[in-house]
C-alpha atoms as a PDB file:
ATOM      1  CA  UNK A   1      19.776   8.484  10.856  1.00  0.00           C
ATOM      2  CA  UNK A   2      21.718  11.967  11.130  1.00  0.00           C
ATOM      3  CA  UNK A   3      20.039  15.501   9.573  1.00  0.00           C
ATOM      4  CA  UNK A   4      21.939  15.238   6.484  1.00  0.00           C
ATOM      5  CA  UNK A   5      21.756  11.846   5.601  1.00  0.00           C
ATOM      6  CA  UNK A   6      19.685  11.144   2.528  1.00  0.00           C
ATOM      7  CA  UNK A   7      16.688   8.846   3.587  1.00  0.00           C
ATOM      8  CA  UNK A   8      16.026   5.016   3.075  1.00  0.00           C
ATOM      9  CA  UNK A   9      15.076   3.333   0.211  1.00  0.00           C
ATOM     10  CA  UNK A  10      12.279   1.771   1.921  1.00  0.00           C
ATOM     11  CA  UNK A  11       9.010   3.712   1.345  1.00  0.00           C
ATOM     12  CA  UNK A  12       6.362   2.412  -0.883  1.00  0.00           C
ATOM     13  CA  UNK A  13       4.539   4.653  -3.453  1.00  0.00           C
ATOM     14  CA  UNK A  14       1.013   3.762  -4.033  1.00  0.00           C
ATOM     15  CA  UNK A  15       2.211   1.821  -7.397  1.00  0.00           C
ATOM     16  CA  UNK A  16       4.288  -0.263  -5.024  1.00  0.00           C
ATOM     17  CA  UNK A  17       7.280   0.973  -6.192  1.00  0.00           C
ATOM     18  CA  UNK A  18      10.276   0.842  -3.292  1.00  0.00           C
ATOM     19  CA  UNK A  19      11.872   4.512  -3.441  1.00  0.00           C
ATOM     20  CA  UNK A  20      14.175   6.968  -1.182  1.00  0.00           C
ATOM     21  CA  UNK A  21      11.469   8.975   0.592  1.00  0.00           C
ATOM     22  CA  UNK A  22      11.393  10.837   3.911  1.00  0.00           C
ATOM     23  CA  UNK A  23       8.685  10.680   6.649  1.00  0.00           C
ATOM     24  CA  UNK A  24       8.652   7.083   7.912  1.00  0.00           C
ATOM     25  CA  UNK A  25       4.242   7.009   7.738  1.00  0.00           C
ATOM     26  CA  UNK A  26       1.841   5.423   9.439  1.00  0.00           C
ATOM     27  CA  UNK A  27       2.719   1.623   8.908  1.00  0.00           C
ATOM     28  CA  UNK A  28       5.612  -0.875   8.510  1.00  0.00           C
ATOM     29  CA  UNK A  29       5.426  -3.728   5.513  1.00  0.00           C
ATOM     30  CA  UNK A  30       7.084  -7.160   3.868  1.00  0.00           C
ATOM     31  CA  UNK A  31       7.581  -8.763   0.671  1.00  0.00           C
ATOM     32  CA  UNK A  32      10.358 -10.910   1.395  1.00  0.00           C
ATOM     33  CA  UNK A  33      14.160  -9.765   1.055  1.00  0.00           C
ATOM     34  CA  UNK A  34      14.806  -7.182  -0.809  1.00  0.00           C
ATOM     35  CA  UNK A  35      17.969  -6.333  -0.292  1.00  0.00           C
ATOM     36  CA  UNK A  36      21.124  -7.822  -0.103  1.00  0.00           C
ATOM     37  CA  UNK A  37      23.933  -8.074   2.600  1.00  0.00           C
ATOM     38  CA  UNK A  38      23.879  -5.646   5.492  1.00  0.00           C
ATOM     39  CA  UNK A  39      23.888  -1.654   5.153  1.00  0.00           C
ATOM     40  CA  UNK A  40      23.492  -1.258   1.560  1.00  0.00           C
ATOM     41  CA  UNK A  41      20.567   0.500   1.788  1.00  0.00           C
ATOM     42  CA  UNK A  42      19.443  -0.370  -1.294  1.00  0.00           C
ATOM     43  CA  UNK A  43      17.006  -3.025  -2.704  1.00  0.00           C
ATOM     44  CA  UNK A  44      17.460  -5.139  -5.463  1.00  0.00           C
ATOM     45  CA  UNK A  45      14.286  -7.310  -6.018  1.00  0.00           C
ATOM     46  CA  UNK A  46      10.459  -6.018  -6.324  1.00  0.00           C
ATOM     47  CA  UNK A  47       9.244  -8.680  -4.385  1.00  0.00           C
ATOM     48  CA  UNK A  48       9.592 -12.161  -3.375  1.00  0.00           C
ATOM     49  CA  UNK A  49       6.656 -14.659  -3.366  1.00  0.00           C
ATOM     50  CA  UNK A  50       2.865 -13.385  -3.183  1.00  0.00           C
ATOM     51  CA  UNK A  51       2.465 -12.270   0.215  1.00  0.00           C
ATOM     52  CA  UNK A  52       2.855  -8.676   0.438  1.00  0.00           C
ATOM     53  CA  UNK A  53       1.566  -7.525   4.240  1.00  0.00           C
ATOM     54  CA  UNK A  54       1.190  -4.480   6.122  1.00  0.00           C
ATOM     55  CA  UNK A  55       1.935  -4.473   9.514  1.00  0.00           C
ATOM     56  CA  UNK A  56       1.708  -2.521  13.263  1.00  0.00           C
ATOM     57  CA  UNK A  57       4.906   0.089  13.372  1.00  0.00           C
ATOM     58  CA  UNK A  58       5.155  -2.071  17.239  1.00  0.00           C
ATOM     59  CA  UNK A  59       3.968  -5.228  18.292  1.00  0.00           C
ATOM     60  CA  UNK A  60       4.838  -6.714  21.351  1.00  0.00           C
ATOM     61  CA  UNK A  61       8.451  -5.320  21.522  1.00  0.00           C
ATOM     62  CA  UNK A  62      10.019  -6.830  18.656  1.00  0.00           C
ATOM     63  CA  UNK A  63      12.859  -5.455  16.850  1.00  0.00           C
ATOM     64  CA  UNK A  64      13.517  -5.623  13.127  1.00  0.00           C
ATOM     65  CA  UNK A  65      16.736  -4.645  12.213  1.00  0.00           C
ATOM     66  CA  UNK A  66      16.436  -3.196   8.469  1.00  0.00           C
ATOM     67  CA  UNK A  67      19.098  -4.164   5.975  1.00  0.00           C
ATOM     68  CA  UNK A  68      20.029  -7.110   8.134  1.00  0.00           C
ATOM     69  CA  UNK A  69      21.522 -10.002   5.994  1.00  0.00           C
ATOM     70  CA  UNK A  70      19.382 -12.423   5.626  1.00  0.00           C
ATOM     71  CA  UNK A  71      16.151 -11.156   6.907  1.00  0.00           C
ATOM     72  CA  UNK A  72      13.323  -9.463   5.541  1.00  0.00           C
ATOM     73  CA  UNK A  73      13.035  -5.615   4.358  1.00  0.00           C
ATOM     74  CA  UNK A  74      11.492  -3.747   6.554  1.00  0.00           C
ATOM     75  CA  UNK A  75       8.998  -1.420   4.157  1.00  0.00           C
ATOM     76  CA  UNK A  76       7.115   1.696   4.989  1.00  0.00           C
ATOM     77  CA  UNK A  77       3.744   3.607   4.164  1.00  0.00           C
ATOM     78  CA  UNK A  78       2.332   6.803   4.531  1.00  0.00           C
ATOM     79  CA  UNK A  79      -1.067   5.352   5.151  1.00  0.00           C
ATOM     80  CA  UNK A  80      -2.888   2.196   4.786  1.00  0.00           C
ATOM     81  CA  UNK A  81      -4.485   3.871   1.514  1.00  0.00           C
ATOM     82  CA  UNK A  82      -1.260   3.747   0.195  1.00  0.00           C
ATOM     83  CA  UNK A  83      -0.707   0.204   1.082  1.00  0.00           C
ATOM     84  CA  UNK A  84      -3.698  -1.214   0.018  1.00  0.00           C
ATOM     85  CA  UNK A  85      -3.173   0.851  -3.460  1.00  0.00           C
ATOM     86  CA  UNK A  86       0.661  -1.215  -3.540  1.00  0.00           C
ATOM     87  CA  UNK A  87      -1.465  -4.024  -3.186  1.00  0.00           C
ATOM     88  CA  UNK A  88      -0.478  -5.042   0.739  1.00  0.00           C
ATOM     89  CA  UNK A  89      -3.170  -6.687   2.971  1.00  0.00           C
ATOM     90  CA  UNK A  90      -3.298  -6.921   6.633  1.00  0.00           C
ATOM     91  CA  UNK A  91      -0.486  -8.583   8.685  1.00  0.00           C
ATOM     92  CA  UNK A  92      -2.575 -11.899  10.217  1.00  0.00           C
ATOM     93  CA  UNK A  93      -0.858 -11.965  12.959  1.00  0.00           C
ATOM     94  CA  UNK A  94       0.175  -8.238  14.532  1.00  0.00           C
ATOM     95  CA  UNK A  95      -3.118  -7.260  12.859  1.00  0.00           C
ATOM     96  CA  UNK A  96      -5.442  -9.607  13.789  1.00  0.00           C
ATOM     97  CA  UNK A  97      -8.848  -8.192  13.991  1.00  0.00           C
ATOM     98  CA  UNK A  98      -7.951  -6.176  10.413  1.00  0.00           C
ATOM     99  CA  UNK A  99      -6.837  -9.366   8.684  1.00  0.00           C
ATOM    100  CA  UNK A 100     -10.245 -11.149   9.658  1.00  0.00           C
ATOM    101  CA  UNK A 101     -11.802  -8.280   8.648  1.00  0.00           C
ATOM    102  CA  UNK A 102     -10.643  -7.597   5.509  1.00  0.00           C
ATOM    103  CA  UNK A 103     -10.433 -11.305   4.390  1.00  0.00           C
ATOM    104  CA  UNK A 104     -13.810 -11.438   4.786  1.00  0.00           C
ATOM    105  CA  UNK A 105     -14.954  -8.830   3.045  1.00  0.00           C
ATOM    106  CA  UNK A 106     -13.326  -9.673   0.167  1.00  0.00           C
ATOM    107  CA  UNK A 107     -14.753 -13.211   0.866  1.00  0.00           C
ATOM    108  CA  UNK A 108     -17.579 -11.989   0.379  1.00  0.00           C
ATOM    109  CA  UNK A 109     -16.885  -9.750  -2.849  1.00  0.00           C
ATOM    110  CA  UNK A 110     -15.945 -12.736  -4.683  1.00  0.00           C
ATOM    111  CA  UNK A 111     -18.589 -14.776  -3.241  1.00  0.00           C
ATOM    112  CA  UNK A 112     -17.005 -17.489  -1.087  1.00  0.00           C
ATOM    113  CA  UNK A 113     -17.727 -17.856   2.511  1.00  0.00           C
ATOM    114  CA  UNK A 114     -13.744 -17.892   3.465  1.00  0.00           C
ATOM    115  CA  UNK A 115     -10.755 -17.182   1.994  1.00  0.00           C
ATOM    116  CA  UNK A 116      -7.563 -18.794   3.550  1.00  0.00           C
ATOM    117  CA  UNK A 117      -4.251 -16.539   3.468  1.00  0.00           C
ATOM    118  CA  UNK A 118      -2.476 -18.420   0.952  1.00  0.00           C
ATOM    119  CA  UNK A 119      -5.605 -17.763  -1.353  1.00  0.00           C
ATOM    120  CA  UNK A 120      -6.304 -14.396  -0.666  1.00  0.00           C
ATOM    121  CA  UNK A 121      -2.906 -13.529  -1.668  1.00  0.00           C
ATOM    122  CA  UNK A 122      -3.051 -15.377  -4.210  1.00  0.00           C
ATOM    123  CA  UNK A 123      -6.008 -13.580  -5.661  1.00  0.00           C
ATOM    124  CA  UNK A 124      -4.253 -10.042  -4.715  1.00  0.00           C
ATOM    125  CA  UNK A 125      -1.017 -10.821  -6.667  1.00  0.00           C
ATOM    126  CA  UNK A 126      -3.083 -11.683  -9.910  1.00  0.00           C
ATOM    127  CA  UNK A 127      -4.740  -8.377  -9.679  1.00  0.00           C
ATOM    128  CA  UNK A 128      -1.853  -6.315  -8.894  1.00  0.00           C
ATOM    129  CA  UNK A 129       1.124  -7.829 -10.645  1.00  0.00           C
ATOM    130  CA  UNK A 130       1.440  -8.842 -14.479  1.00  0.00           C
ATOM    131  CA  UNK A 131       3.636 -11.649 -13.867  1.00  0.00           C
ATOM    132  CA  UNK A 132       4.655 -12.140 -17.847  1.00  0.00           C
ATOM    133  CA  UNK A 133       5.713  -8.598 -18.342  1.00  0.00           C
ATOM    134  CA  UNK A 134       6.731  -7.784 -14.646  1.00  0.00           C
ATOM    135  CA  UNK A 135       5.192  -4.726 -14.319  1.00  0.00           C
ATOM    136  CA  UNK A 136       1.717  -3.057 -12.737  1.00  0.00           C
ATOM    137  CA  UNK A 137      -1.505  -4.079 -13.373  1.00  0.00           C
ATOM    138  CA  UNK A 138      -4.249  -0.461 -13.409  1.00  0.00           C
ATOM    139  CA  UNK A 139      -7.805  -1.006 -13.232  1.00  0.00           C
ATOM    140  CA  UNK A 140     -10.546   0.735 -15.224  1.00  0.00           C
ATOM    141  CA  UNK A 141     -13.799   1.842 -13.122  1.00  0.00           C
ATOM    142  CA  UNK A 142     -16.565   4.491 -12.668  1.00  0.00           C
ATOM    143  CA  UNK A 143     -15.757   7.369 -10.699  1.00  0.00           C
ATOM    144  CA  UNK A 144     -19.153   7.225  -9.461  1.00  0.00           C
ATOM    145  CA  UNK A 145     -18.550   3.752  -8.090  1.00  0.00           C
ATOM    146  CA  UNK A 146     -14.827   4.861  -6.662  1.00  0.00           C
ATOM    147  CA  UNK A 147     -14.976   4.642  -2.549  1.00  0.00           C
ATOM    148  CA  UNK A 148     -13.130   6.770  -0.621  1.00  0.00           C
ATOM    149  CA  UNK A 149      -9.340   5.642  -0.049  1.00  0.00           C
ATOM    150  CA  UNK A 150      -9.242   4.267  -3.217  1.00  0.00           C
ATOM    151  CA  UNK A 151      -6.088   5.521  -5.726  1.00  0.00           C
ATOM    152  CA  UNK A 152      -6.212   6.500  -8.975  1.00  0.00           C
ATOM    153  CA  UNK A 153      -3.845   7.414 -11.667  1.00  0.00           C
ATOM    154  CA  UNK A 154      -4.165  11.075 -12.928  1.00  0.00           C
ATOM    155  CA  UNK A 155      -1.734  12.763 -15.261  1.00  0.00           C
ATOM    156  CA  UNK A 156      -0.297  14.102 -12.693  1.00  0.00           C
ATOM    157  CA  UNK A 157       0.069  11.242 -10.815  1.00  0.00           C
ATOM    158  CA  UNK A 158      -1.460   9.028  -8.170  1.00  0.00           C
ATOM    159  CA  UNK A 159      -3.825  10.466  -5.922  1.00  0.00           C
ATOM    160  CA  UNK A 160      -6.752   9.177  -3.497  1.00  0.00           C
ATOM    161  CA  UNK A 161     -10.084   9.468  -3.425  1.00  0.00           C
ATOM    162  CA  UNK A 162     -11.851  11.512  -0.810  1.00  0.00           C
ATOM    163  CA  UNK A 163     -15.493  12.177  -0.730  1.00  0.00           C
ATOM    164  CA  UNK A 164     -15.886  14.639  -4.134  1.00  0.00           C
ATOM    165  CA  UNK A 165     -12.375  15.654  -4.316  1.00  0.00           C
ATOM    166  CA  UNK A 166      -8.963  13.876  -5.195  1.00  0.00           C
ATOM    167  CA  UNK A 167      -5.935  14.024  -2.945  1.00  0.00           C
ATOM    168  CA  UNK A 168      -2.683  13.784  -5.217  1.00  0.00           C
ATOM    169  CA  UNK A 169       0.210  12.262  -3.279  1.00  0.00           C
ATOM    170  CA  UNK A 170       3.567  13.648  -3.485  1.00  0.00           C
ATOM    171  CA  UNK A 171       6.970  12.168  -4.668  1.00  0.00           C
ATOM    172  CA  UNK A 172       8.398  13.229  -1.000  1.00  0.00           C
ATOM    173  CA  UNK A 173       5.622  10.800   0.786  1.00  0.00           C
ATOM    174  CA  UNK A 174       2.973  12.960   1.595  1.00  0.00           C
ATOM    175  CA  UNK A 175      -0.443  14.333   0.435  1.00  0.00           C
ATOM    176  CA  UNK A 176      -0.757  17.970  -1.804  1.00  0.00           C
ATOM    177  CA  UNK A 177      -2.391  20.783   0.779  1.00  0.00           C
ATOM    178  CA  UNK A 178      -6.390  20.728   1.075  1.00  0.00           C
ATOM    179  CA  UNK A 179      -6.193  23.379  -1.004  1.00  0.00           C
ATOM    180  CA  UNK A 180      -4.497  21.678  -4.035  1.00  0.00           C
ATOM    181  CA  UNK A 181      -6.890  19.290  -3.715  1.00  0.00           C
ATOM    182  CA  UNK A 182      -8.817  18.274  -7.786  1.00  0.00           C
ATOM    183  CA  UNK A 183     -12.695  18.033  -8.447  1.00  0.00           C
ATOM    184  CA  UNK A 184     -13.717  14.378  -8.734  1.00  0.00           C
ATOM    185  CA  UNK A 185     -15.223  13.746 -11.843  1.00  0.00           C
ATOM    186  CA  UNK A 186     -18.969  12.802 -11.444  1.00  0.00           C
ATOM    187  CA  UNK A 187     -19.037  11.015 -14.492  1.00  0.00           C
ATOM    188  CA  UNK A 188     -16.506   8.688 -16.938  1.00  0.00           C
ATOM    189  CA  UNK A 189     -14.436   6.131 -16.080  1.00  0.00           C
ATOM    190  CA  UNK A 190     -11.178   6.283 -13.811  1.00  0.00           C
ATOM    191  CA  UNK A 191      -8.176   4.343 -13.940  1.00  0.00           C
ATOM    192  CA  UNK A 192      -7.370   2.705 -10.512  1.00  0.00           C
ATOM    193  CA  UNK A 193      -3.996   1.583  -8.605  1.00  0.00           C
ATOM    194  CA  UNK A 194      -6.160   0.194  -5.755  1.00  0.00           C
ATOM    195  CA  UNK A 195      -6.529  -3.897  -6.609  1.00  0.00           C
ATOM    196  CA  UNK A 196     -10.358  -4.879  -7.716  1.00  0.00           C
ATOM    197  CA  UNK A 197     -10.841  -6.746  -4.366  1.00  0.00           C
ATOM    198  CA  UNK A 198      -9.250  -3.909  -1.804  1.00  0.00           C
ATOM    199  CA  UNK A 199     -11.457  -1.529  -3.609  1.00  0.00           C
ATOM    200  CA  UNK A 200     -14.289  -3.982  -3.317  1.00  0.00           C
ATOM    201  CA  UNK A 201     -13.270  -4.102   0.554  1.00  0.00           C
ATOM    202  CA  UNK A 202     -13.641  -0.413   1.065  1.00  0.00           C
ATOM    203  CA  UNK A 203     -17.265  -0.252  -0.710  1.00  0.00           C
ATOM    204  CA  UNK A 204     -18.020  -2.935   1.873  1.00  0.00           C
ATOM    205  CA  UNK A 205     -16.653  -0.491   4.667  1.00  0.00           C
ATOM    206  CA  UNK A 206     -13.538  -2.099   5.540  1.00  0.00           C
ATOM    207  CA  UNK A 207     -12.253   1.192   7.636  1.00  0.00           C
ATOM    208  CA  UNK A 208      -8.930   2.234   6.062  1.00  0.00           C
ATOM    209  CA  UNK A 209      -6.850   4.408   7.581  1.00  0.00           C
ATOM    210  CA  UNK A 210      -5.670   7.824   6.135  1.00  0.00           C
ATOM    211  CA  UNK A 211      -3.268  10.393   7.193  1.00  0.00           C
ATOM    212  CA  UNK A 212       0.196  10.451   7.906  1.00  0.00           C
ATOM    213  CA  UNK A 213       1.833  11.303  11.479  1.00  0.00           C
ATOM    214  CA  UNK A 214       4.591  13.979  11.843  1.00  0.00           C
ATOM    215  CA  UNK A 215       7.250  13.511   9.838  1.00  0.00           C
ATOM    216  CA  UNK A 216      10.124  10.874  11.405  1.00  0.00           C
ATOM    217  CA  UNK A 217      12.891   8.832   9.581  1.00  0.00           C
ATOM    218  CA  UNK A 218      13.667   5.121  10.362  1.00  0.00           C
END
């Protein structure tokens, strides 16, 4: 992409919205074909189906064509904490070990021995998306019970829990500098973006990746 060309509309916010923003981020994702035709650089639908996955940027030298007719729309996330907040889960192919660990932690949280991928996708979809009103679901949880990597909604927008602080996510697809982090409340209830099952996986020790590489275009 030339320096004067605007960013593509294929970056994902913690709310799960697909927007135009700089910086490719740490992960690629997929929730079906969201665009129409070739070269449009614009999405036309929010999602297709329940399987929202987070993939490695590179896998077995495969190359995924962006905006290709008839192919899924590659999406990009600042980090895995954003991907989980958006409602995605690890890919069962290119991130097999991460998928198995995440799946098993979610299964333990809901009290079953094992979850098949379609059942995991169904569970996450019910937690992240209100199909009747076609809008994002939010959840309530005690501030004291939130694990690192969880995303909450503040008056100023989404923010990531990091120890005793919350770190705002910014519309330019970055985090606020350390000096602009906010104190994490010790009491009360937070409005949470990260779906409850993903939140429970974080509590149980899922090693979520946080932080972005040097900004680059894709």
